Structure formats: C-alpha cells, structure tokens
C-alpha cells in the first residue's frame, strides 16, 4: 500500500473508480463553470436587490442547507441500498462508484475536482435557472430565493464536501468549517465506513444524521420497500464485495 498526498492508503489490488473519458471531462468542466457562475449571479442578484432582511429570509439559509443535507442522505442511501451496478446508465455512473467507495474509500481522493463535482453541477443548472425566475418583491419571495440559493450552494458542493471529509488533513478553512459543524467532518463521516455501512448517510452538513438515526428513518423505509416489493437491501453491494474479495483470494 502506498500513501497519497492526504495520508490515505492506496491499495493497488482493490477496485477503483472508472476513468472519465476526455469528452465527459469537457462536459463536466462546462457544467461546473456554468453552475458556479449561475450560483454567483444568483447570490449577487439577491444582495443587490434586497435592502432589508426578514427573519424568514434569515431562517431560509439553514433551511436550504438542511434540505440539501437530507437529500444527500436520501440519494446516498438509495445508491448504497438498491439497484445493481449492471443497470444501464445509473449502474455505471452512480451505483458502481458507491460499490467501489465502500471497499476502497481512499480511491475517492484520486478524483479531481471536475470528476468529483461534474454530475451534480449538471443537475444543479436547471434549479439555478429556475431560481432566477423568483421575483424579489416580497418577504416570502425573497426567502424563497434565499432558500434555493442556500440549497443550491450546499447541494452543488456535496460531493466535494464528501471528499474533504475523507481527507485526514483537509485545507485550513475547510477544517474550520468542519470543526464548527457547518459541513461534514472527517470524524462524523468515518462512522459510515464501518460494515454494514448503514449509518450517517447524509454527506453535506451532516446535520440530519442523528435525527434520522434516532427515528430509524432509513431502516424503516427499507422494511417498507421490502414489504411492498420483496427486494432485499444491499443485495447487489454484498455480491460486489464478495466477488472482489473472491477474486483477490484466487489471484
């Protein structure tokens, strides 16, 4: 095993994330550029046009962050728990990386900014464009615009925040945000990476993890889906891990 620049270990015989083709990287780079420009423009529009801030607009900031965190957990749980990596499109782009990530989490640190955030940036563009249509004419509409901006800012950075949470020593300003609980910390996320990987799914701020675990939200949702469909949670992930370690033992 060889250490990478963040102190994490790379294991050559473990699975790795798929290589991103040049055309896809260009698409991701374009998506990131557009998304971040739209986010900056949306923030500037709010600051320029809003003269007084109501309590509703102020509360909308953590509200948007909270929703982004919850959705990050819901998507993470869905990708961890259901489906097969052999599925078209979603299998390769969404499910396979999650399967690899649990077996070889250090490999995530090899991914560059564009590879890490391109998918989310592309999905954020329609949301940001829609936010520009919100008129800033009342306290309610201003709060709605602030909510969407806050949600988009955290949502857009979710994968990057996740990657920072895997670094043993993240950049200084990021460590400050982690220390004060504004974004997910390395210590909080590390709890997810113990088999069977069924806790702390939320990977943006991490605020939703304790409440969702306290009410057993995901386990109860799994039980409901199994009762309705007969599907078994994490069946494909278990098979993926067994195949990987079986191959290692025979090689």
Foldseek 3Di string as FASTA:
>chain_A
DDADPLRDDDDVLADAADDDDPVVLVLLVVLVVLLVVLLVVLVCVLVVPDDDADPLLVVLQVVLLVVLLVVQLVLLQPLQWDDALPDPPCSRLPNVNSLRCLVGVVNLLVDDPSSQQSVQSNVLNVLSVVLVPQDPDDNVSSSVSSNSSSNSVLNSCQSVQQSQLCRPDHPDVNVVCCVVLVFPHVVLCVVQSDPPSDFQSRRRSSPCGVVCVVVVVSVVVQVVCCVVPVDGINPNSVVSVVVSVVVVVVD
